[in-house]
Amino acid sequence: MIAIIDYNAGNLRSIEKALELYTKNIVVTSDPETILSADKIVLPGVGNFGDSMKNISQKTGDCSLNEIINKCVQKVPFLGICLGMQLLLEKSEECPETPGLGVIKGDVIKFKHSEKIPHMGWNTVNQVQDIPLFEGIANNEYFYFVHSYHVNPSEKDVISGTTNYGYEFPCILNKKNVYATQFHPEKSGKNGLKMIENFVELI
């Protein structure tokens, strides 16, 4: 079963529809027991870092989604998408007083140039590490982005892909069984769907 974590941060139907092309065993949920029993987990999201972390940190029964996520990333394939990627870091300039999940060391910063913000539309992804999500996808293919902030991990070995928008920034991370993309694979045509298929097929 693949669990899509619902924490009231954006439309989840698009990623659910993309996953349904490869498996029907999907649930959209905020229930801790259901999430803990999943074989794979997706953390999508759009919106504000601080508001989202507030939702994730609220208690659901005896624990918060924050606690559940930090348990899950230790044991099953996990995919953070867009804001879901940024939440995996320790903090963000968007809401400096609010700590992130801290799964990956580093922070989230706003673009530091005069290019139009947000970075919106199609851009290429340079594959800097060979990871399972890239299987069957050529280097420098296009994916769809919508964001004003980007991750700045202090663990540089987790950077698996970069994109240029005025300068190179990390757009895909991989730390053991945890994967994260700044772009939206579910909105990125055949290359994005191939990446989702690769995630579904992870053991």
Protein backbone atom coordinates (compact mmCIF):
# COMPACT_ATOMS: atom_id res chain seq x y z
CA MET A 1 0.00 0.00 0.00
CA ILE A 2 1.12 3.55 -0.83
CA ALA A 3 0.01 6.22 1.64
CA ILE A 4 -0.32 9.83 0.47
CA ILE A 5 -0.10 11.97 3.59
CA ASP A 6 -2.96 14.47 3.86
CA TYR A 7 -2.07 17.49 6.02
CA ASN A 8 -4.33 20.06 4.32
CA ALA A 9 -1.65 21.38 1.96
CA GLY A 10 -2.92 21.46 -1.58
CA ASN A 11 -4.69 19.28 -4.12
CA LEU A 12 -3.71 15.64 -3.62
CA ARG A 13 -5.81 14.24 -6.45
CA SER A 14 -3.19 14.87 -9.17
CA ILE A 15 -0.51 12.74 -7.47
CA GLU A 16 -3.13 10.12 -6.60
CA LYS A 17 -4.21 9.90 -10.26
CA ALA A 18 -0.60 9.55 -11.40
CA LEU A 19 0.07 6.74 -8.91
CA GLU A 20 -3.14 4.99 -9.98
CA LEU A 21 -1.59 4.40 -13.41
CA TYR A 22 0.76 1.88 -11.77
CA THR A 23 -1.07 0.62 -8.67
CA LYS A 24 -4.58 0.69 -7.22
CA ASN A 25 -3.39 0.10 -3.67
CA ILE A 26 -3.33 3.78 -2.63
CA VAL A 27 -4.82 5.64 0.30
CA VAL A 28 -4.95 9.37 1.05
CA THR A 29 -4.81 9.66 4.81
CA SER A 30 -3.73 11.47 7.95
CA ASP A 31 -4.31 8.42 10.14
CA PRO A 32 -1.07 7.48 11.95
CA GLU A 33 -1.71 3.73 12.01
CA THR A 34 -2.50 3.65 8.29
CA ILE A 35 0.64 5.63 7.45
CA LEU A 36 2.81 3.40 9.65
CA SER A 37 1.47 0.28 7.91
CA ALA A 38 2.21 1.57 4.38
CA ASP A 39 4.86 0.02 2.13
CA LYS A 40 5.64 3.40 0.56
CA ILE A 41 4.79 6.98 1.50
CA VAL A 42 4.33 10.19 -0.50
CA LEU A 43 4.45 13.64 1.12
CA PRO A 44 3.19 16.17 -1.45
CA GLY A 45 2.30 19.78 -0.81
CA VAL A 46 2.02 23.37 -1.95
CA GLY A 47 1.77 26.47 0.19
CA ASN A 48 3.46 28.00 3.21
CA PHE A 49 6.23 26.19 5.12
CA GLY A 50 5.14 27.47 8.53
CA ASP A 51 1.44 26.71 8.12
CA SER A 52 2.21 23.23 6.83
CA MET A 53 4.58 22.40 9.69
CA LYS A 54 1.93 23.65 12.13
CA ASN A 55 -0.53 21.15 10.64
CA ILE A 56 2.02 18.34 10.67
CA SER A 57 3.02 19.05 14.28
CA GLN A 58 -0.53 18.91 15.65
CA LYS A 59 -1.36 15.82 17.67
CA THR A 60 -3.50 13.17 15.98
CA GLY A 61 -4.43 10.90 18.85
CA ASP A 62 -1.31 10.11 20.84
CA CYS A 63 1.19 11.47 18.32
CA SER A 64 1.73 14.01 15.55
CA LEU A 65 2.32 13.49 11.83
CA ASN A 66 5.78 14.89 12.49
CA GLU A 67 6.56 11.93 14.75
CA ILE A 68 4.97 9.46 12.34
CA ILE A 69 6.96 10.77 9.35
CA ASN A 70 10.23 10.57 11.26
CA LYS A 71 9.47 6.93 12.05
CA CYS A 72 8.50 6.08 8.48
CA VAL A 73 11.58 7.58 6.82
CA GLN A 74 13.67 5.06 8.74
CA LYS A 75 12.06 2.02 7.12
CA VAL A 76 10.14 2.46 3.84
CA PRO A 77 10.60 4.26 0.49
CA PHE A 78 9.49 7.85 0.99
CA LEU A 79 8.90 10.58 -1.63
CA GLY A 80 8.57 14.29 -0.83
CA ILE A 81 7.24 16.51 -3.62
CA CYS A 82 7.61 20.33 -3.90
CA LEU A 83 6.73 21.71 -0.44
CA GLY A 84 6.92 18.11 0.77
CA MET A 85 10.60 18.18 -0.21
CA GLN A 86 11.27 21.45 1.61
CA LEU A 87 9.60 20.23 4.82
CA LEU A 88 12.22 17.47 5.06
CA LEU A 89 14.92 20.07 5.79
CA GLU A 90 15.64 21.66 9.18
CA LYS A 91 14.26 25.17 8.57
CA SER A 92 13.17 27.67 5.92
CA GLU A 93 13.65 31.39 5.30
CA GLU A 94 9.93 31.50 4.59
CA CYS A 95 9.20 30.95 8.29
CA PRO A 96 12.52 31.01 10.22
CA GLU A 97 10.96 30.43 13.64
CA THR A 98 9.35 27.14 12.60
CA PRO A 99 11.53 24.01 12.55
CA GLY A 100 11.15 21.54 9.69
CA LEU A 101 11.15 17.77 9.92
CA GLY A 102 14.95 17.62 9.99
CA VAL A 103 15.18 14.41 8.01
CA ILE A 104 17.87 16.05 5.86
CA LYS A 105 20.31 18.56 7.31
CA GLY A 106 20.23 22.04 5.80
CA ASP A 107 17.74 24.79 5.12
CA VAL A 108 15.39 26.22 2.50
CA ILE A 109 16.23 29.59 0.97
CA LYS A 110 14.57 32.08 -1.37
CA PHE A 111 16.04 32.57 -4.85
CA LYS A 112 18.83 35.14 -4.63
CA HIS A 113 18.63 36.90 -7.99
CA SER A 114 16.49 39.15 -10.17
CA GLU A 115 14.95 36.34 -12.22
CA LYS A 116 11.17 36.26 -12.12
CA ILE A 117 9.91 34.62 -8.93
CA PRO A 118 8.28 32.18 -8.59
CA HIS A 119 10.28 29.86 -10.81
CA MET A 120 7.34 28.54 -12.81
CA GLY A 121 7.23 26.27 -15.83
CA TRP A 122 9.38 23.67 -17.54
CA ASN A 123 13.10 23.34 -16.85
CA THR A 124 15.77 20.70 -17.29
CA VAL A 125 17.12 18.41 -14.59
CA ASN A 126 20.82 17.54 -14.57
CA GLN A 127 21.35 14.08 -13.07
CA VAL A 128 24.38 14.32 -10.79
CA GLN A 129 23.93 10.89 -9.19
CA ASP A 130 22.58 7.64 -10.57
CA ILE A 131 19.50 6.84 -8.48
CA PRO A 132 16.59 4.44 -9.11
CA LEU A 133 14.14 7.27 -9.83
CA PHE A 134 16.16 8.22 -12.94
CA GLU A 135 15.93 4.76 -14.52
CA GLY A 136 14.76 5.09 -18.12
CA ILE A 137 14.96 8.91 -18.05
CA ALA A 138 17.63 10.66 -20.11
CA ASN A 139 19.79 13.40 -18.59
CA ASN A 140 18.64 17.02 -18.94
CA GLU A 141 15.01 16.16 -19.56
CA TYR A 142 12.30 18.70 -18.72
CA PHE A 143 10.15 18.70 -15.58
CA TYR A 144 7.53 21.14 -14.29
CA PHE A 145 8.39 23.58 -11.46
CA VAL A 146 6.41 26.08 -9.37
CA HIS A 147 8.32 27.53 -6.38
CA SER A 148 9.93 30.62 -4.86
CA TYR A 149 12.23 28.80 -2.42
CA HIS A 150 14.69 25.96 -2.92
CA VAL A 151 16.51 23.52 -0.67
CA ASN A 152 20.08 24.14 0.47
CA PRO A 153 21.23 20.87 2.08
CA SER A 154 24.41 20.87 4.14
CA GLU A 155 24.73 17.17 3.32
CA LYS A 156 25.92 17.71 -0.26
CA ASP A 157 26.09 13.97 -0.98
CA VAL A 158 22.27 13.81 -0.93
CA ILE A 159 21.99 16.02 -4.04
CA SER A 160 21.01 13.79 -6.95
CA GLY A 161 19.82 16.38 -9.46
CA THR A 162 20.15 20.10 -10.12
CA THR A 163 18.40 22.74 -12.20
CA ASN A 164 19.60 26.13 -13.39
CA TYR A 165 17.45 29.19 -12.71
CA GLY A 166 19.94 32.03 -12.58
CA TYR A 167 22.26 29.58 -10.80
CA GLU A 168 22.35 25.85 -10.09
CA PHE A 169 20.14 24.69 -7.25
CA PRO A 170 19.32 21.19 -5.96
CA CYS A 171 16.04 19.87 -7.34
CA ILE A 172 16.15 16.20 -6.36
CA LEU A 173 17.55 14.66 -3.19
CA ASN A 174 18.16 11.08 -2.11
CA LYS A 175 19.18 9.94 1.36
CA LYS A 176 18.97 6.16 1.72
CA ASN A 177 15.27 5.30 1.18
CA VAL A 178 14.15 8.97 1.18
CA TYR A 179 13.67 10.75 -2.16
CA ALA A 180 12.49 14.30 -2.77
CA THR A 181 11.79 16.41 -5.84
CA GLN A 182 11.29 20.17 -6.10
CA PHE A 183 9.44 19.75 -9.40
CA HIS A 184 6.05 18.08 -9.74
CA PRO A 185 6.54 14.67 -11.39
CA GLU A 186 2.77 14.21 -11.59
CA LYS A 187 2.60 17.33 -13.82
CA SER A 188 5.75 16.59 -15.85
CA GLY A 189 4.43 14.47 -18.71
CA LYS A 190 6.01 11.16 -19.66
CA ASN A 191 9.27 11.79 -17.78
CA GLY A 192 7.45 12.61 -14.57
CA LEU A 193 5.20 9.59 -14.91
CA LYS A 194 8.24 7.38 -15.50
CA MET A 195 9.73 8.73 -12.28
CA ILE A 196 6.51 7.91 -10.42
CA GLU A 197 6.52 4.42 -11.93
CA ASN A 198 10.13 3.98 -10.75
CA PHE A 199 9.09 4.98 -7.23
CA VAL A 200 6.16 2.55 -7.24
CA GLU A 201 8.49 -0.26 -8.30
CA LEU A 202 11.05 0.42 -5.55
CA ILE A 203 11.57 -2.53 -3.20
